[in-house]
Amino acid sequence: MAPLPETDTRISQADALKYWNSIPATVNGMLGGLPQISRIDLRGSLNFIEKLRRLDPAPTVPEPLIRGVDCGAGIGRVTGGVLSKVCRVVDIVEPVEKFAREVRGAELLGQGKIGEAYVVGLQDWVPVEKYDLLWNQWCLGHLTDEELVQYLGRCMKAVTDGGWIVVKENMSTDPEGKDIFDELDSSVTRTGEKFRRLFEKAGLRIVKTEVQTGFPKKLFPVRFYALQPGT
């Protein structure tokens, strides 16, 4: 039997788009039938941002943050539940048109909180703004390793001085320490070691990392990484 190819080379963004276009534009759909974890997730993210602010006794970023971007925004669950609470304006990047429509049609738009909506995959998105916060949650598994390094490199050029690129992703629990490929949505769940290697390759350093608490034990562990350009 021939060996399987590298896990990330099995990713098909066409298959991923087909899967997500079949999912209803609801919180239940976004969270794989576990809408009850949303409140815990949002609170954990807000707490993490607050901890980031406390890292620097003389912060160079304003409060509230001037501009953030929700990368892989889905229907705007995190856009509305986290980023709009800490940023004056939030852009979104979302490749599924029906999800992006949900964000653009939300009440936040009328409040002037939503800025630009980029209906494009992260592998093709080139930031044209500067951001105090670039938020990436449960979306980077759809990029190959090389695409992820290139994408993070573009994010590094777009983050303001003192701002953060945040990655919040599932962590592989493979007993052999390998990444895990999911055929259902054509995504990869990476190990912490893999993430660290890719961050370093992109020229980023980790300024804070921690595990999200309060999720059911049957789920993958979820880890936050706050990144800034390396020195």
Protein backbone atom coordinates (compact mmCIF):
# COMPACT_ATOMS: atom_id res chain seq x y z
CA MET A 1 0.00 0.00 0.00
CA ALA A 2 1.40 3.39 -1.04
CA PRO A 3 2.05 5.86 1.80
CA LEU A 4 -0.41 8.71 2.23
CA PRO A 5 0.76 12.13 1.03
CA GLU A 6 1.62 14.90 3.48
CA THR A 7 -1.52 15.74 5.44
CA ASP A 8 -1.81 19.35 4.27
CA THR A 9 -1.46 18.43 0.58
CA ARG A 10 -4.79 16.60 0.85
CA ILE A 11 -6.59 19.90 1.47
CA SER A 12 -8.99 20.90 -1.30
CA GLN A 13 -10.42 24.39 -0.96
CA ALA A 14 -13.05 23.50 -3.59
CA ASP A 15 -14.22 20.61 -1.42
CA ALA A 16 -14.18 22.84 1.66
CA LEU A 17 -16.33 25.47 -0.07
CA LYS A 18 -18.75 22.76 -1.20
CA TYR A 19 -19.05 21.54 2.39
CA TRP A 20 -19.57 24.98 3.94
CA ASN A 21 -22.08 25.99 1.28
CA SER A 22 -24.14 22.97 2.40
CA ILE A 23 -24.17 24.17 6.03
CA PRO A 24 -26.99 26.45 7.26
CA ALA A 25 -26.04 30.04 8.11
CA THR A 26 -26.73 29.61 11.83
CA VAL A 27 -24.67 29.42 15.02
CA ASN A 28 -25.57 25.74 15.19
CA GLY A 29 -24.15 25.27 11.69
CA MET A 30 -20.99 27.23 12.44
CA LEU A 31 -20.28 25.22 15.59
CA GLY A 32 -21.01 21.75 14.23
CA GLY A 33 -24.16 21.19 16.25
CA LEU A 34 -22.72 22.53 19.51
CA PRO A 35 -24.23 26.02 19.82
CA GLN A 36 -23.98 25.79 23.62
CA ILE A 37 -20.22 26.36 23.50
CA SER A 38 -20.58 29.77 21.83
CA ARG A 39 -20.94 31.80 25.01
CA ILE A 40 -17.93 30.09 26.62
CA ASP A 41 -15.91 30.62 23.47
CA LEU A 42 -16.73 34.33 23.16
CA ARG A 43 -16.05 35.01 26.82
CA GLY A 44 -12.71 33.20 26.58
CA SER A 45 -11.73 35.33 23.60
CA LEU A 46 -12.64 38.60 25.30
CA ASN A 47 -10.65 37.55 28.37
CA PHE A 48 -7.65 36.71 26.19
CA ILE A 49 -7.73 40.16 24.56
CA GLU A 50 -7.89 41.78 27.98
CA LYS A 51 -4.81 39.80 29.05
CA LEU A 52 -2.98 40.97 25.94
CA ARG A 53 -3.65 44.57 26.87
CA ARG A 54 -2.19 44.00 30.32
CA LEU A 55 1.07 42.68 28.86
CA ASP A 56 2.19 46.18 27.90
CA PRO A 57 2.12 48.82 30.66
CA ALA A 58 2.47 51.54 28.00
CA PRO A 59 0.39 50.22 25.07
CA THR A 60 0.90 51.67 21.62
CA VAL A 61 -2.54 50.60 20.39
CA PRO A 62 -5.61 52.66 21.34
CA GLU A 63 -8.63 51.56 23.36
CA PRO A 64 -10.94 50.74 21.75
CA LEU A 65 -8.83 49.41 18.90
CA ILE A 66 -9.30 51.42 15.72
CA ARG A 67 -9.68 48.60 13.20
CA GLY A 68 -9.85 44.83 13.43
CA VAL A 69 -10.53 42.07 10.94
CA ASP A 70 -12.36 38.77 11.41
CA CYS A 71 -10.61 36.31 9.11
CA GLY A 72 -12.86 33.41 8.19
CA ALA A 73 -15.77 35.27 9.75
CA GLY A 74 -18.58 32.84 8.93
CA ILE A 75 -21.88 34.49 9.87
CA GLY A 76 -20.18 37.00 12.17
CA ARG A 77 -20.52 35.18 15.48
CA VAL A 78 -17.07 36.38 16.61
CA THR A 79 -17.41 39.65 14.68
CA GLY A 80 -20.39 40.64 16.82
CA GLY A 81 -19.59 38.77 20.02
CA VAL A 82 -15.93 39.79 20.37
CA LEU A 83 -14.37 42.10 17.81
CA SER A 84 -17.15 44.70 17.67
CA LYS A 85 -16.78 45.04 21.46
CA VAL A 86 -13.09 45.93 21.27
CA CYS A 87 -12.74 47.60 17.84
CA ARG A 88 -14.35 50.72 16.38
CA VAL A 89 -14.57 49.12 12.93
CA VAL A 90 -14.34 45.45 11.94
CA ASP A 91 -13.67 44.18 8.43
CA ILE A 92 -14.54 40.59 7.53
CA VAL A 93 -12.93 38.03 5.25
CA GLU A 94 -15.24 35.14 4.35
CA PRO A 95 -15.20 32.98 1.19
CA VAL A 96 -18.81 31.74 1.50
CA GLU A 97 -21.09 34.40 0.04
CA LYS A 98 -24.21 33.41 1.99
CA PHE A 99 -22.30 33.70 5.28
CA ALA A 100 -20.86 37.09 4.33
CA ARG A 101 -24.40 38.30 3.54
CA GLU A 102 -25.43 37.43 7.09
CA VAL A 103 -22.70 39.66 8.50
CA ARG A 104 -23.39 42.53 6.12
CA GLY A 105 -27.10 42.37 6.94
CA ALA A 106 -26.64 42.29 10.70
CA GLU A 107 -27.50 45.11 13.07
CA LEU A 108 -23.80 45.85 13.50
CA LEU A 109 -23.72 47.20 9.96
CA GLY A 110 -26.27 49.85 10.86
CA GLN A 111 -24.15 50.83 13.87
CA GLY A 112 -21.20 51.50 11.60
CA LYS A 113 -19.20 48.67 13.13
CA ILE A 114 -18.75 46.63 9.95
CA GLY A 115 -16.24 48.04 7.50
CA GLU A 116 -15.24 46.15 4.37
CA ALA A 117 -16.46 42.64 3.55
CA TYR A 118 -13.99 40.63 1.46
CA VAL A 119 -15.66 37.56 -0.06
CA VAL A 120 -12.48 35.62 -0.74
CA GLY A 121 -10.47 32.78 0.72
CA LEU A 122 -7.65 33.59 3.11
CA GLN A 123 -5.14 32.09 0.68
CA ASP A 124 -6.05 34.85 -1.80
CA TRP A 125 -6.70 37.78 0.57
CA VAL A 126 -4.20 40.62 0.45
CA PRO A 127 -4.82 43.19 3.22
CA VAL A 128 -5.02 46.80 2.07
CA GLU A 129 -5.67 48.27 5.53
CA LYS A 130 -3.65 48.36 8.73
CA TYR A 131 -5.17 46.45 11.65
CA ASP A 132 -4.72 46.56 15.41
CA LEU A 133 -6.14 43.03 15.60
CA LEU A 134 -6.29 40.27 12.99
CA TRP A 135 -8.42 37.43 14.36
CA ASN A 136 -8.16 33.90 12.91
CA GLN A 137 -10.39 31.25 14.46
CA TRP A 138 -11.26 27.77 13.19
CA CYS A 139 -10.29 28.63 9.62
CA LEU A 140 -6.55 28.12 9.14
CA GLY A 141 -6.97 24.36 8.74
CA HIS A 142 -8.21 25.04 5.21
CA LEU A 143 -4.78 26.37 4.18
CA THR A 144 -1.79 24.22 3.30
CA ASP A 145 1.35 24.78 5.34
CA GLU A 146 2.92 26.90 2.61
CA GLU A 147 -0.28 28.91 2.09
CA LEU A 148 -0.46 29.52 5.83
CA VAL A 149 3.11 30.82 5.98
CA GLN A 150 2.45 33.16 3.05
CA TYR A 151 -0.85 34.31 4.54
CA LEU A 152 0.71 35.03 7.94
CA GLY A 153 3.46 36.96 6.18
CA ARG A 154 0.82 39.21 4.62
CA CYS A 155 -0.86 39.62 8.01
CA MET A 156 2.49 40.60 9.53
CA LYS A 157 2.74 43.49 7.05
CA ALA A 158 -0.82 44.58 7.90
CA VAL A 159 -0.62 44.61 11.71
CA THR A 160 -0.04 47.97 13.41
CA ASP A 161 2.86 48.60 15.76
CA GLY A 162 1.86 46.96 19.04
CA GLY A 163 -1.12 45.18 17.45
CA TRP A 164 -1.71 41.42 17.39
CA ILE A 165 -2.40 38.57 15.02
CA VAL A 166 -4.46 36.08 17.02
CA VAL A 167 -4.79 32.44 16.06
CA LYS A 168 -7.39 30.35 17.89
CA GLU A 169 -7.42 26.81 16.57
CA ASN A 170 -7.99 23.18 17.47
CA MET A 171 -4.90 21.20 18.45
CA SER A 172 -4.15 17.71 17.15
CA THR A 173 -4.38 14.93 19.73
CA ASP A 174 -2.81 12.32 17.47
CA PRO A 175 -0.84 9.89 19.71
CA GLU A 176 2.08 9.98 17.26
CA GLY A 177 2.18 13.77 17.24
CA LYS A 178 0.91 14.13 13.68
CA ASP A 179 -1.53 16.52 12.05
CA ILE A 180 -5.03 15.13 11.47
CA PHE A 181 -6.86 15.42 8.15
CA ASP A 182 -10.66 15.68 8.20
CA GLU A 183 -12.23 14.49 4.94
CA LEU A 184 -15.64 15.93 5.88
CA ASP A 185 -14.64 19.58 5.43
CA SER A 186 -11.19 19.03 3.86
CA SER A 187 -9.22 20.59 6.70
CA VAL A 188 -6.18 19.84 8.83
CA THR A 189 -5.92 19.96 12.62
CA ARG A 190 -2.30 20.80 13.36
CA THR A 191 -0.08 20.04 16.31
CA GLY A 192 1.23 22.82 18.52
CA GLU A 193 4.74 22.04 17.32
CA LYS A 194 3.68 22.48 13.69
CA PHE A 195 2.03 25.82 14.42
CA ARG A 196 5.16 27.08 16.16
CA ARG A 197 7.35 26.08 13.22
CA LEU A 198 5.05 27.80 10.75
CA PHE A 199 4.85 30.96 12.87
CA GLU A 200 8.63 31.12 13.02
CA LYS A 201 8.91 30.52 9.27
CA ALA A 202 6.51 33.43 8.69
CA GLY A 203 8.70 35.72 10.80
CA LEU A 204 6.35 35.91 13.78
CA ARG A 205 6.93 35.48 17.49
CA ILE A 206 4.48 34.28 20.13
CA VAL A 207 3.81 36.94 22.77
CA LYS A 208 1.15 34.96 24.63
CA THR A 209 -0.51 31.56 24.36
CA GLU A 210 -3.06 29.68 26.44
CA VAL A 211 -5.71 26.98 26.16
CA GLN A 212 -9.41 27.82 26.00
CA THR A 213 -11.12 26.38 29.08
CA GLY A 214 -14.68 25.17 29.64
CA PHE A 215 -15.21 23.16 26.45
CA PRO A 216 -16.50 19.56 26.56
CA LYS A 217 -13.66 17.05 26.92
CA LYS A 218 -14.77 15.18 23.81
CA LEU A 219 -13.67 18.12 21.65
CA PHE A 220 -10.16 18.88 20.45
CA PRO A 221 -8.28 21.18 22.82
CA VAL A 222 -8.34 24.77 21.52
CA ARG A 223 -5.33 27.07 21.91
CA PHE A 224 -4.87 30.82 21.53
CA TYR A 225 -1.68 32.28 20.08
CA ALA A 226 -1.04 36.04 20.04
CA LEU A 227 1.61 36.86 17.45
CA GLN A 228 3.68 39.90 16.58
CA PRO A 229 6.51 40.44 14.10
CA GLY A 230 9.71 38.82 15.27
CA THR A 231 12.66 40.90 16.39
